[in-house]
C-alpha atoms as a PDB file:
ATOM      1  CA  UNK A   1      94.127  82.224 160.803  1.00  0.00           C
ATOM      2  CA  UNK A   2      97.830  82.988 159.689  1.00  0.00           C
ATOM      3  CA  UNK A   3      98.300  85.760 156.814  1.00  0.00           C
ATOM      4  CA  UNK A   4     101.923  83.796 155.875  1.00  0.00           C
ATOM      5  CA  UNK A   5     103.431  87.071 155.010  1.00  0.00           C
ATOM      6  CA  UNK A   6     107.036  87.738 156.010  1.00  0.00           C
ATOM      7  CA  UNK A   7     107.049  90.762 158.353  1.00  0.00           C
ATOM      8  CA  UNK A   8     110.075  92.122 156.372  1.00  0.00           C
ATOM      9  CA  UNK A   9     107.601  92.347 153.391  1.00  0.00           C
ATOM     10  CA  UNK A  10     105.137  94.598 155.435  1.00  0.00           C
ATOM     11  CA  UNK A  11     107.951  96.670 156.809  1.00  0.00           C
ATOM     12  CA  UNK A  12     109.232  97.163 153.301  1.00  0.00           C
ATOM     13  CA  UNK A  13     105.847  98.190 151.743  1.00  0.00           C
ATOM     14  CA  UNK A  14     104.839 100.606 154.686  1.00  0.00           C
ATOM     15  CA  UNK A  15     108.384 102.311 154.351  1.00  0.00           C
ATOM     16  CA  UNK A  16     107.758 102.400 150.633  1.00  0.00           C
ATOM     17  CA  UNK A  17     104.465 104.023 150.957  1.00  0.00           C
ATOM     18  CA  UNK A  18     105.526 106.699 153.771  1.00  0.00           C
ATOM     19  CA  UNK A  19     108.511 107.696 151.318  1.00  0.00           C
ATOM     20  CA  UNK A  20     105.631 108.626 148.893  1.00  0.00           C
ATOM     21  CA  UNK A  21     104.281 111.235 151.423  1.00  0.00           C
ATOM     22  CA  UNK A  22     105.097 114.997 150.566  1.00  0.00           C
ATOM     23  CA  UNK A  23     107.925 116.263 152.030  1.00  0.00           C
ATOM     24  CA  UNK A  24     105.794 118.811 153.933  1.00  0.00           C
ATOM     25  CA  UNK A  25     104.768 116.000 156.221  1.00  0.00           C
ATOM     26  CA  UNK A  26     108.244 114.497 156.955  1.00  0.00           C
ATOM     27  CA  UNK A  27     108.128 115.109 160.381  1.00  0.00           C
ATOM     28  CA  UNK A  28     105.303 112.682 160.648  1.00  0.00           C
ATOM     29  CA  UNK A  29     107.122 109.818 158.298  1.00  0.00           C
ATOM     30  CA  UNK A  30     107.674 107.522 161.382  1.00  0.00           C
ATOM     31  CA  UNK A  31     104.317 107.785 162.586  1.00  0.00           C
ATOM     32  CA  UNK A  32     102.712 107.500 159.090  1.00  0.00           C
ATOM     33  CA  UNK A  33     104.976 104.488 158.523  1.00  0.00           C
ATOM     34  CA  UNK A  34     103.450 102.860 161.732  1.00  0.00           C
ATOM     35  CA  UNK A  35      99.964 103.622 160.728  1.00  0.00           C
ATOM     36  CA  UNK A  36     100.682 102.331 157.467  1.00  0.00           C
ATOM     37  CA  UNK A  37     101.765  98.928 158.682  1.00  0.00           C
ATOM     38  CA  UNK A  38      99.195  98.655 161.121  1.00  0.00           C
ATOM     39  CA  UNK A  39      96.669  99.262 158.484  1.00  0.00           C
ATOM     40  CA  UNK A  40      98.156  96.630 156.044  1.00  0.00           C
ATOM     41  CA  UNK A  41      98.354  94.108 158.664  1.00  0.00           C
ATOM     42  CA  UNK A  42      94.698  94.736 159.745  1.00  0.00           C
ATOM     43  CA  UNK A  43      93.435  94.558 156.161  1.00  0.00           C
ATOM     44  CA  UNK A  44      95.536  91.328 155.420  1.00  0.00           C
ATOM     45  CA  UNK A  45      94.252  89.676 158.403  1.00  0.00           C
ATOM     46  CA  UNK A  46      90.749  90.063 157.379  1.00  0.00           C
ATOM     47  CA  UNK A  47      91.356  88.627 153.877  1.00  0.00           C
ATOM     48  CA  UNK A  48      91.557  85.053 155.845  1.00  0.00           C
ATOM     49  CA  UNK A  49      94.654  84.109 153.645  1.00  0.00           C
ATOM     50  CA  UNK A  50      96.232  80.666 154.119  1.00  0.00           C
ATOM     51  CA  UNK A  51     100.440  79.896 154.469  1.00  0.00           C
ATOM     52  CA  UNK A  52     101.547  78.504 151.167  1.00  0.00           C
ATOM     53  CA  UNK A  53     102.166  75.177 153.555  1.00  0.00           C
ATOM     54  CA  UNK A  54      98.467  74.909 154.249  1.00  0.00           C
ATOM     55  CA  UNK A  55      97.617  75.554 150.523  1.00  0.00           C
ATOM     56  CA  UNK A  56      99.942  72.955 149.497  1.00  0.00           C
ATOM     57  CA  UNK A  57      98.777  70.313 151.902  1.00  0.00           C
ATOM     58  CA  UNK A  58      95.167  70.935 150.844  1.00  0.00           C
ATOM     59  CA  UNK A  59      96.212  70.641 146.960  1.00  0.00           C
ATOM     60  CA  UNK A  60      97.587  67.467 147.840  1.00  0.00           C
ATOM     61  CA  UNK A  61      94.413  66.272 149.239  1.00  0.00           C
ATOM     62  CA  UNK A  62      92.528  67.423 146.406  1.00  0.00           C
ATOM     63  CA  UNK A  63      94.844  65.403 144.113  1.00  0.00           C
ATOM     64  CA  UNK A  64      94.520  62.147 146.168  1.00  0.00           C
ATOM     65  CA  UNK A  65      90.666  62.757 145.908  1.00  0.00           C
ATOM     66  CA  UNK A  66      90.419  63.124 142.385  1.00  0.00           C
ATOM     67  CA  UNK A  67      92.575  60.056 141.695  1.00  0.00           C
ATOM     68  CA  UNK A  68      90.139  57.955 144.031  1.00  0.00           C
ATOM     69  CA  UNK A  69      87.191  59.399 142.645  1.00  0.00           C
ATOM     70  CA  UNK A  70      88.554  58.448 138.695  1.00  0.00           C
ATOM     71  CA  UNK A  71      89.400  55.094 140.161  1.00  0.00           C
ATOM     72  CA  UNK A  72      85.920  54.563 141.558  1.00  0.00           C
ATOM     73  CA  UNK A  73      84.048  55.759 138.373  1.00  0.00           C
ATOM     74  CA  UNK A  74      85.996  53.443 136.457  1.00  0.00           C
ATOM     75  CA  UNK A  75      85.223  50.573 138.944  1.00  0.00           C
ATOM     76  CA  UNK A  76      81.726  51.584 138.750  1.00  0.00           C
ATOM     77  CA  UNK A  77      81.665  51.639 134.918  1.00  0.00           C
ATOM     78  CA  UNK A  78      83.038  48.239 135.176  1.00  0.00           C
ATOM     79  CA  UNK A  79      80.313  46.957 137.388  1.00  0.00           C
ATOM     80  CA  UNK A  80      77.599  48.379 135.566  1.00  0.00           C
ATOM     81  CA  UNK A  81      78.950  46.622 132.270  1.00  0.00           C
ATOM     82  CA  UNK A  82      79.250  43.511 134.185  1.00  0.00           C
ATOM     83  CA  UNK A  83      75.613  44.080 135.658  1.00  0.00           C
ATOM     84  CA  UNK A  84      74.521  44.604 132.031  1.00  0.00           C
ATOM     85  CA  UNK A  85      75.951  41.365 130.491  1.00  0.00           C
ATOM     86  CA  UNK A  86      74.660  39.226 133.440  1.00  0.00           C
ATOM     87  CA  UNK A  87      71.276  40.278 132.899  1.00  0.00           C
ATOM     88  CA  UNK A  88      70.293  40.089 129.160  1.00  0.00           C
ATOM     89  CA  UNK A  89      67.497  42.087 127.955  1.00  0.00           C
ATOM     90  CA  UNK A  90      67.481  44.099 130.912  1.00  0.00           C
ATOM     91  CA  UNK A  91      68.185  47.044 128.895  1.00  0.00           C
ATOM     92  CA  UNK A  92      65.283  46.107 126.499  1.00  0.00           C
ATOM     93  CA  UNK A  93      62.542  46.063 129.031  1.00  0.00           C
ATOM     94  CA  UNK A  94      59.874  48.867 128.370  1.00  0.00           C
ATOM     95  CA  UNK A  95      56.997  49.984 129.924  1.00  0.00           C
ATOM     96  CA  UNK A  96      53.396  49.454 128.572  1.00  0.00           C
ATOM     97  CA  UNK A  97      53.181  50.403 124.814  1.00  0.00           C
ATOM     98  CA  UNK A  98      51.162  53.534 124.391  1.00  0.00           C
ATOM     99  CA  UNK A  99      49.519  53.715 121.090  1.00  0.00           C
END
């Protein structure tokens, strides 16, 4: 699954992290930056993130599904109302009296 992150974002973040390394380790800056970038990419890949496009598509599907559910609930309520009117006394039936 794609992380959807711009590679430049990861490079910039890795660079900023490597710049925070103490000056005594400046000679290793290139290696550290490369390692930071690899660690960040691996960590983000494990998160199973989706792209913004995939998220928007699924949001649209969910919105349409909600609309259909609302319409079906209204239709069911109308049919139940019609059924209740078509069978007078249906709601008044009771089981044997206990007493």
